Amino acid sequence: CSSDLSEEKISDVLNILYVGVLENHKGVNYLIDAIDREDIHLDIIGDGSQRNILEKLAVGRQIKFHGFQNLDYIGEAMKKADVLILPSVPVDGYLEQFGRVLIEGMASGCCIAGSAIGGIPSVIGNNGLLFKHSSSAAIKEIINELKENHEKLFLLKSKAYMCALNNYSYKSVAKRLVDQIGTIINGYDKKI
């Protein structure tokens, strides 16, 4: 994902990225199953107990496993990706709580998409796409739409980047904190 969105280039390939642990509750198997076109590539960064199973599922598809990587590597991968997908699923009562990787993707200029469970919808809002969890068909529909509709892809990349800048940057978080402290102090003064 290019942080300089004004120089966005249309590619013949849609580059998708997943970053996270490779465990059942992350739903990566559904994402892998949705990748079935030569012009859609998936990079998976992360490791976990499900890696061997997922690698077998990925055979014959445009999917590359990178294993565990450092933050610089992940940052570069996010800059190159078009879409960051978080396909989490509910497992044994677990729901994705926040999905910090979504914010990192937004800040890198990625279009973001995620399962409509837990805290994911509140992070994405109207700045990306939500899909039904545990559904390869729902993920595939979003991927195909973004591949075919370059304007929508560009719009969602731009919206996600602006959302990260306006809501999650150090400056915006510090401003909200200062505003809250001011509210607390002013409210406290009125009670005295």
C-alpha atoms as a PDB file:
ATOM      1  CA  CYS A   1       0.000   0.000   0.000  1.00  0.00           C
ATOM      2  CA  SER A   2       1.467   3.257  -0.977  1.00  0.00           C
ATOM      3  CA  SER A   3       1.205   6.012   1.618  1.00  0.00           C
ATOM      4  CA  ASP A   4       1.469   8.477  -1.278  1.00  0.00           C
ATOM      5  CA  LEU A   5      -1.969   7.715  -2.635  1.00  0.00           C
ATOM      6  CA  SER A   6      -1.777  10.429  -5.295  1.00  0.00           C
ATOM      7  CA  GLU A   7       0.708   8.292  -7.263  1.00  0.00           C
ATOM      8  CA  GLU A   8      -1.412   5.145  -7.105  1.00  0.00           C
ATOM      9  CA  LYS A   9      -0.818   2.851 -10.055  1.00  0.00           C
ATOM     10  CA  ILE A  10      -3.287   0.303 -11.348  1.00  0.00           C
ATOM     11  CA  SER A  11      -1.739  -3.143 -11.366  1.00  0.00           C
ATOM     12  CA  ASP A  12      -2.786  -6.264 -13.207  1.00  0.00           C
ATOM     13  CA  VAL A  13      -2.493  -8.119  -9.894  1.00  0.00           C
ATOM     14  CA  LEU A  14      -4.435  -7.484  -6.696  1.00  0.00           C
ATOM     15  CA  ASN A  15      -2.025  -7.970  -3.795  1.00  0.00           C
ATOM     16  CA  ILE A  16      -3.649  -9.135  -0.579  1.00  0.00           C
ATOM     17  CA  LEU A  17      -1.923  -9.365   2.782  1.00  0.00           C
ATOM     18  CA  TYR A  18      -2.646 -11.201   6.003  1.00  0.00           C
ATOM     19  CA  VAL A  19      -0.514 -10.480   9.069  1.00  0.00           C
ATOM     20  CA  GLY A  20      -1.047 -12.402  12.283  1.00  0.00           C
ATOM     21  CA  VAL A  21      -0.796 -15.723  14.017  1.00  0.00           C
ATOM     22  CA  LEU A  22      -1.750 -18.863  12.130  1.00  0.00           C
ATOM     23  CA  GLU A  23      -4.280 -20.299  14.561  1.00  0.00           C
ATOM     24  CA  ASN A  24      -7.866 -21.494  14.103  1.00  0.00           C
ATOM     25  CA  HIS A  25      -9.474 -18.328  15.464  1.00  0.00           C
ATOM     26  CA  LYS A  26      -7.859 -16.209  12.738  1.00  0.00           C
ATOM     27  CA  GLY A  27      -9.807 -17.908   9.925  1.00  0.00           C
ATOM     28  CA  VAL A  28      -6.899 -17.880   7.475  1.00  0.00           C
ATOM     29  CA  ASN A  29      -8.183 -21.111   5.900  1.00  0.00           C
ATOM     30  CA  TYR A  30     -11.240 -19.196   4.625  1.00  0.00           C
ATOM     31  CA  LEU A  31      -8.999 -16.515   3.130  1.00  0.00           C
ATOM     32  CA  ILE A  32      -6.811 -19.105   1.408  1.00  0.00           C
ATOM     33  CA  ASP A  33      -9.869 -20.847   0.009  1.00  0.00           C
ATOM     34  CA  ALA A  34     -11.031 -17.529  -1.506  1.00  0.00           C
ATOM     35  CA  ILE A  35      -7.823 -17.128  -3.566  1.00  0.00           C
ATOM     36  CA  ASP A  36      -8.444 -18.898  -6.851  1.00  0.00           C
ATOM     37  CA  ARG A  37      -7.416 -16.456  -9.586  1.00  0.00           C
ATOM     38  CA  GLU A  38      -4.002 -15.978 -11.190  1.00  0.00           C
ATOM     39  CA  ASP A  39      -4.362 -12.193 -10.907  1.00  0.00           C
ATOM     40  CA  ILE A  40      -4.929 -12.225  -7.142  1.00  0.00           C
ATOM     41  CA  HIS A  41      -1.942 -12.880  -4.874  1.00  0.00           C
ATOM     42  CA  LEU A  42      -1.916 -13.430  -1.128  1.00  0.00           C
ATOM     43  CA  ASP A  43       1.065 -12.917   1.160  1.00  0.00           C
ATOM     44  CA  ILE A  44       0.790 -14.415   4.632  1.00  0.00           C
ATOM     45  CA  ILE A  45       3.079 -13.098   7.355  1.00  0.00           C
ATOM     46  CA  GLY A  46       3.006 -14.952  10.626  1.00  0.00           C
ATOM     47  CA  ASP A  47       3.434 -18.359  12.148  1.00  0.00           C
ATOM     48  CA  GLY A  48       1.535 -20.739  14.361  1.00  0.00           C
ATOM     49  CA  SER A  49       0.272 -24.237  14.937  1.00  0.00           C
ATOM     50  CA  GLN A  50      -1.856 -24.214  11.762  1.00  0.00           C
ATOM     51  CA  ARG A  51       0.936 -23.259   9.334  1.00  0.00           C
ATOM     52  CA  ASN A  52       1.527 -26.740   7.867  1.00  0.00           C
ATOM     53  CA  ILE A  53      -2.200 -27.320   7.331  1.00  0.00           C
ATOM     54  CA  LEU A  54      -2.582 -23.895   5.711  1.00  0.00           C
ATOM     55  CA  GLU A  55       0.448 -24.413   3.456  1.00  0.00           C
ATOM     56  CA  LYS A  56      -1.108 -27.648   2.168  1.00  0.00           C
ATOM     57  CA  LEU A  57      -4.406 -25.835   1.530  1.00  0.00           C
ATOM     58  CA  ALA A  58      -2.502 -23.141  -0.404  1.00  0.00           C
ATOM     59  CA  VAL A  59      -0.800 -25.508  -2.878  1.00  0.00           C
ATOM     60  CA  GLY A  60      -1.462 -24.445  -6.475  1.00  0.00           C
ATOM     61  CA  ARG A  61      -2.674 -20.978  -5.507  1.00  0.00           C
ATOM     62  CA  GLN A  62      -0.965 -17.593  -5.753  1.00  0.00           C
ATOM     63  CA  ILE A  63      -0.046 -17.624  -2.056  1.00  0.00           C
ATOM     64  CA  LYS A  64       3.303 -17.103  -0.347  1.00  0.00           C
ATOM     65  CA  PHE A  65       4.066 -17.767   3.314  1.00  0.00           C
ATOM     66  CA  HIS A  66       6.693 -15.505   4.854  1.00  0.00           C
ATOM     67  CA  GLY A  67       6.714 -16.855   8.412  1.00  0.00           C
ATOM     68  CA  PHE A  68       7.327 -14.639  11.423  1.00  0.00           C
ATOM     69  CA  GLN A  69       8.914 -11.326  10.399  1.00  0.00           C
ATOM     70  CA  ASN A  70      10.164  -8.150  12.069  1.00  0.00           C
ATOM     71  CA  LEU A  71       8.247  -4.861  12.030  1.00  0.00           C
ATOM     72  CA  ASP A  72      10.317  -3.327   9.224  1.00  0.00           C
ATOM     73  CA  TYR A  73       9.564  -6.286   6.957  1.00  0.00           C
ATOM     74  CA  ILE A  74       5.862  -6.096   7.815  1.00  0.00           C
ATOM     75  CA  GLY A  75       5.814  -2.348   7.163  1.00  0.00           C
ATOM     76  CA  GLU A  76       7.328  -2.834   3.717  1.00  0.00           C
ATOM     77  CA  ALA A  77       4.851  -5.623   2.946  1.00  0.00           C
ATOM     78  CA  MET A  78       1.962  -3.350   3.920  1.00  0.00           C
ATOM     79  CA  LYS A  79       3.238  -0.611   1.620  1.00  0.00           C
ATOM     80  CA  LYS A  80       3.216  -3.075  -1.299  1.00  0.00           C
ATOM     81  CA  ALA A  81      -0.200  -4.589  -0.567  1.00  0.00           C
ATOM     82  CA  ASP A  82      -3.503  -3.364  -1.952  1.00  0.00           C
ATOM     83  CA  VAL A  83      -5.737  -4.987   0.644  1.00  0.00           C
ATOM     84  CA  LEU A  84      -5.161  -6.189   4.194  1.00  0.00           C
ATOM     85  CA  ILE A  85      -7.678  -8.806   5.312  1.00  0.00           C
ATOM     86  CA  LEU A  86      -8.418  -9.998   8.848  1.00  0.00           C
ATOM     87  CA  PRO A  87     -10.709 -13.057   8.468  1.00  0.00           C
ATOM     88  CA  SER A  88     -11.118 -13.867  12.180  1.00  0.00           C
ATOM     89  CA  VAL A  89     -13.747 -16.382  13.272  1.00  0.00           C
ATOM     90  CA  PRO A  90     -15.377 -17.111  16.635  1.00  0.00           C
ATOM     91  CA  VAL A  91     -13.738 -20.146  18.260  1.00  0.00           C
ATOM     92  CA  ASP A  92     -14.507 -21.388  21.763  1.00  0.00           C
ATOM     93  CA  GLY A  93     -15.997 -18.034  22.759  1.00  0.00           C
ATOM     94  CA  TYR A  94     -13.061 -16.022  21.351  1.00  0.00           C
ATOM     95  CA  LEU A  95     -13.891 -12.930  19.297  1.00  0.00           C
ATOM     96  CA  GLU A  96     -11.269 -10.640  17.795  1.00  0.00           C
ATOM     97  CA  GLN A  97     -11.155  -7.694  20.178  1.00  0.00           C
ATOM     98  CA  PHE A  98      -9.469  -4.849  18.344  1.00  0.00           C
ATOM     99  CA  GLY A  99      -7.438  -5.944  15.347  1.00  0.00           C
ATOM    100  CA  ARG A 100      -4.539  -3.516  15.690  1.00  0.00           C
ATOM    101  CA  VAL A 101      -3.169  -4.858  12.414  1.00  0.00           C
ATOM    102  CA  LEU A 102      -6.122  -3.174  10.690  1.00  0.00           C
ATOM    103  CA  ILE A 103      -4.980   0.227  11.943  1.00  0.00           C
ATOM    104  CA  GLU A 104      -1.425  -0.515  10.853  1.00  0.00           C
ATOM    105  CA  GLY A 105      -2.758  -1.428   7.410  1.00  0.00           C
ATOM    106  CA  MET A 106      -4.856   1.739   7.280  1.00  0.00           C
ATOM    107  CA  ALA A 107      -1.843   3.857   8.204  1.00  0.00           C
ATOM    108  CA  SER A 108       0.090   2.175   5.377  1.00  0.00           C
ATOM    109  CA  GLY A 109      -2.627   3.074   2.877  1.00  0.00           C
ATOM    110  CA  CYS A 110      -4.149  -0.399   2.499  1.00  0.00           C
ATOM    111  CA  CYS A 111      -7.776  -1.022   1.817  1.00  0.00           C
ATOM    112  CA  ILE A 112      -8.910  -3.061   4.809  1.00  0.00           C
ATOM    113  CA  ALA A 113     -11.476  -5.821   5.135  1.00  0.00           C
ATOM    114  CA  GLY A 114     -12.419  -8.020   8.032  1.00  0.00           C
ATOM    115  CA  SER A 115     -14.945 -10.380   9.528  1.00  0.00           C
ATOM    116  CA  ALA A 116     -17.984  -8.679  11.023  1.00  0.00           C
ATOM    117  CA  ILE A 117     -17.305  -9.999  14.550  1.00  0.00           C
ATOM    118  CA  GLY A 118     -15.946  -8.695  17.840  1.00  0.00           C
ATOM    119  CA  GLY A 119     -14.216  -5.333  17.662  1.00  0.00           C
ATOM    120  CA  ILE A 120     -13.428  -5.494  13.942  1.00  0.00           C
ATOM    121  CA  PRO A 121     -16.526  -3.549  12.768  1.00  0.00           C
ATOM    122  CA  SER A 122     -15.771  -0.669  15.156  1.00  0.00           C
ATOM    123  CA  VAL A 123     -12.204  -0.378  13.833  1.00  0.00           C
ATOM    124  CA  ILE A 124     -13.176  -0.583  10.157  1.00  0.00           C
ATOM    125  CA  GLY A 125     -16.372   1.492  10.334  1.00  0.00           C
ATOM    126  CA  ASN A 126     -17.187   2.802   6.862  1.00  0.00           C
ATOM    127  CA  ASN A 127     -13.494   2.971   5.943  1.00  0.00           C
ATOM    128  CA  GLY A 128     -13.237  -0.568   4.606  1.00  0.00           C
ATOM    129  CA  LEU A 129     -15.266  -3.694   4.015  1.00  0.00           C
ATOM    130  CA  LEU A 130     -16.857  -6.204   6.370  1.00  0.00           C
ATOM    131  CA  PHE A 131     -17.858  -9.742   5.499  1.00  0.00           C
ATOM    132  CA  LYS A 132     -19.628 -12.641   7.172  1.00  0.00           C
ATOM    133  CA  HIS A 133     -17.188 -14.681   9.234  1.00  0.00           C
ATOM    134  CA  SER A 134     -16.334 -18.263   8.287  1.00  0.00           C
ATOM    135  CA  SER A 135     -17.277 -17.648   4.653  1.00  0.00           C
ATOM    136  CA  SER A 136     -14.813 -18.092   1.814  1.00  0.00           C
ATOM    137  CA  ALA A 137     -17.587 -17.053  -0.586  1.00  0.00           C
ATOM    138  CA  ALA A 138     -18.032 -13.711   1.219  1.00  0.00           C
ATOM    139  CA  ILE A 139     -14.283 -13.053   1.148  1.00  0.00           C
ATOM    140  CA  LYS A 140     -14.060 -14.032  -2.520  1.00  0.00           C
ATOM    141  CA  GLU A 141     -16.908 -11.656  -3.387  1.00  0.00           C
ATOM    142  CA  ILE A 142     -15.072  -8.731  -1.770  1.00  0.00           C
ATOM    143  CA  ILE A 143     -11.754  -9.658  -3.379  1.00  0.00           C
ATOM    144  CA  ASN A 144     -13.302  -9.952  -6.845  1.00  0.00           C
ATOM    145  CA  GLU A 145     -15.147  -6.653  -6.422  1.00  0.00           C
ATOM    146  CA  LEU A 146     -11.949  -4.847  -5.454  1.00  0.00           C
ATOM    147  CA  LYS A 147     -10.059  -6.468  -8.330  1.00  0.00           C
ATOM    148  CA  GLU A 148     -12.644  -5.327 -10.856  1.00  0.00           C
ATOM    149  CA  ASN A 149     -13.470  -1.908  -9.374  1.00  0.00           C
ATOM    150  CA  HIS A 150     -10.245   0.119  -9.192  1.00  0.00           C
ATOM    151  CA  GLU A 151     -12.115   3.292  -8.216  1.00  0.00           C
ATOM    152  CA  LYS A 152     -13.652   1.613  -5.174  1.00  0.00           C
ATOM    153  CA  LEU A 153     -10.275   0.160  -4.193  1.00  0.00           C
ATOM    154  CA  PHE A 154      -8.630   3.578  -4.429  1.00  0.00           C
ATOM    155  CA  LEU A 155     -11.471   5.252  -2.508  1.00  0.00           C
ATOM    156  CA  LEU A 156     -11.291   2.722   0.325  1.00  0.00           C
ATOM    157  CA  LYS A 157      -7.489   2.982   0.495  1.00  0.00           C
ATOM    158  CA  SER A 158      -7.825   6.770   0.788  1.00  0.00           C
ATOM    159  CA  LYS A 159     -10.587   6.584   3.404  1.00  0.00           C
ATOM    160  CA  ALA A 160      -8.648   4.067   5.493  1.00  0.00           C
ATOM    161  CA  TYR A 161      -5.494   6.186   5.391  1.00  0.00           C
ATOM    162  CA  MET A 162      -7.374   9.330   6.415  1.00  0.00           C
ATOM    163  CA  CYS A 163      -9.137   7.429   9.208  1.00  0.00           C
ATOM    164  CA  ALA A 164      -5.798   6.265  10.593  1.00  0.00           C
ATOM    165  CA  LEU A 165      -4.352   9.761  10.326  1.00  0.00           C
ATOM    166  CA  ASN A 166      -7.365  11.446  11.961  1.00  0.00           C
ATOM    167  CA  ASN A 167      -8.086   8.884  14.669  1.00  0.00           C
ATOM    168  CA  TYR A 168      -5.009   6.808  15.477  1.00  0.00           C
ATOM    169  CA  SER A 169      -1.929   8.937  14.816  1.00  0.00           C
ATOM    170  CA  TYR A 170       0.114  10.053  17.813  1.00  0.00           C
ATOM    171  CA  LYS A 171      -1.043  13.621  17.241  1.00  0.00           C
ATOM    172  CA  SER A 172      -4.752  12.788  17.104  1.00  0.00           C
ATOM    173  CA  VAL A 173      -4.572  10.485  20.140  1.00  0.00           C
ATOM    174  CA  ALA A 174      -2.657  13.140  22.104  1.00  0.00           C
ATOM    175  CA  LYS A 175      -5.236  15.785  21.163  1.00  0.00           C
ATOM    176  CA  ARG A 176      -8.104  13.595  22.373  1.00  0.00           C
ATOM    177  CA  LEU A 177      -6.243  12.906  25.601  1.00  0.00           C
ATOM    178  CA  VAL A 178      -5.622  16.621  26.208  1.00  0.00           C
ATOM    179  CA  ASP A 179      -9.298  17.366  25.427  1.00  0.00           C
ATOM    180  CA  GLN A 180     -10.428  14.682  27.903  1.00  0.00           C
ATOM    181  CA  ILE A 181      -8.107  15.986  30.601  1.00  0.00           C
ATOM    182  CA  GLY A 182      -9.472  19.495  30.010  1.00  0.00           C
ATOM    183  CA  THR A 183     -13.029  18.196  30.310  1.00  0.00           C
ATOM    184  CA  ILE A 184     -12.187  16.409  33.547  1.00  0.00           C
ATOM    185  CA  ILE A 185     -10.421  19.455  35.016  1.00  0.00           C
ATOM    186  CA  ASN A 186     -13.168  21.865  33.966  1.00  0.00           C
ATOM    187  CA  GLY A 187     -15.859  19.522  35.289  1.00  0.00           C
ATOM    188  CA  TYR A 188     -13.982  19.129  38.548  1.00  0.00           C
ATOM    189  CA  ASP A 189     -13.573  22.916  38.926  1.00  0.00           C
ATOM    190  CA  LYS A 190     -17.338  23.407  38.546  1.00  0.00           C
ATOM    191  CA  LYS A 191     -18.001  21.053  41.458  1.00  0.00           C
ATOM    192  CA  ILE A 192     -15.805  23.019  43.868  1.00  0.00           C
END
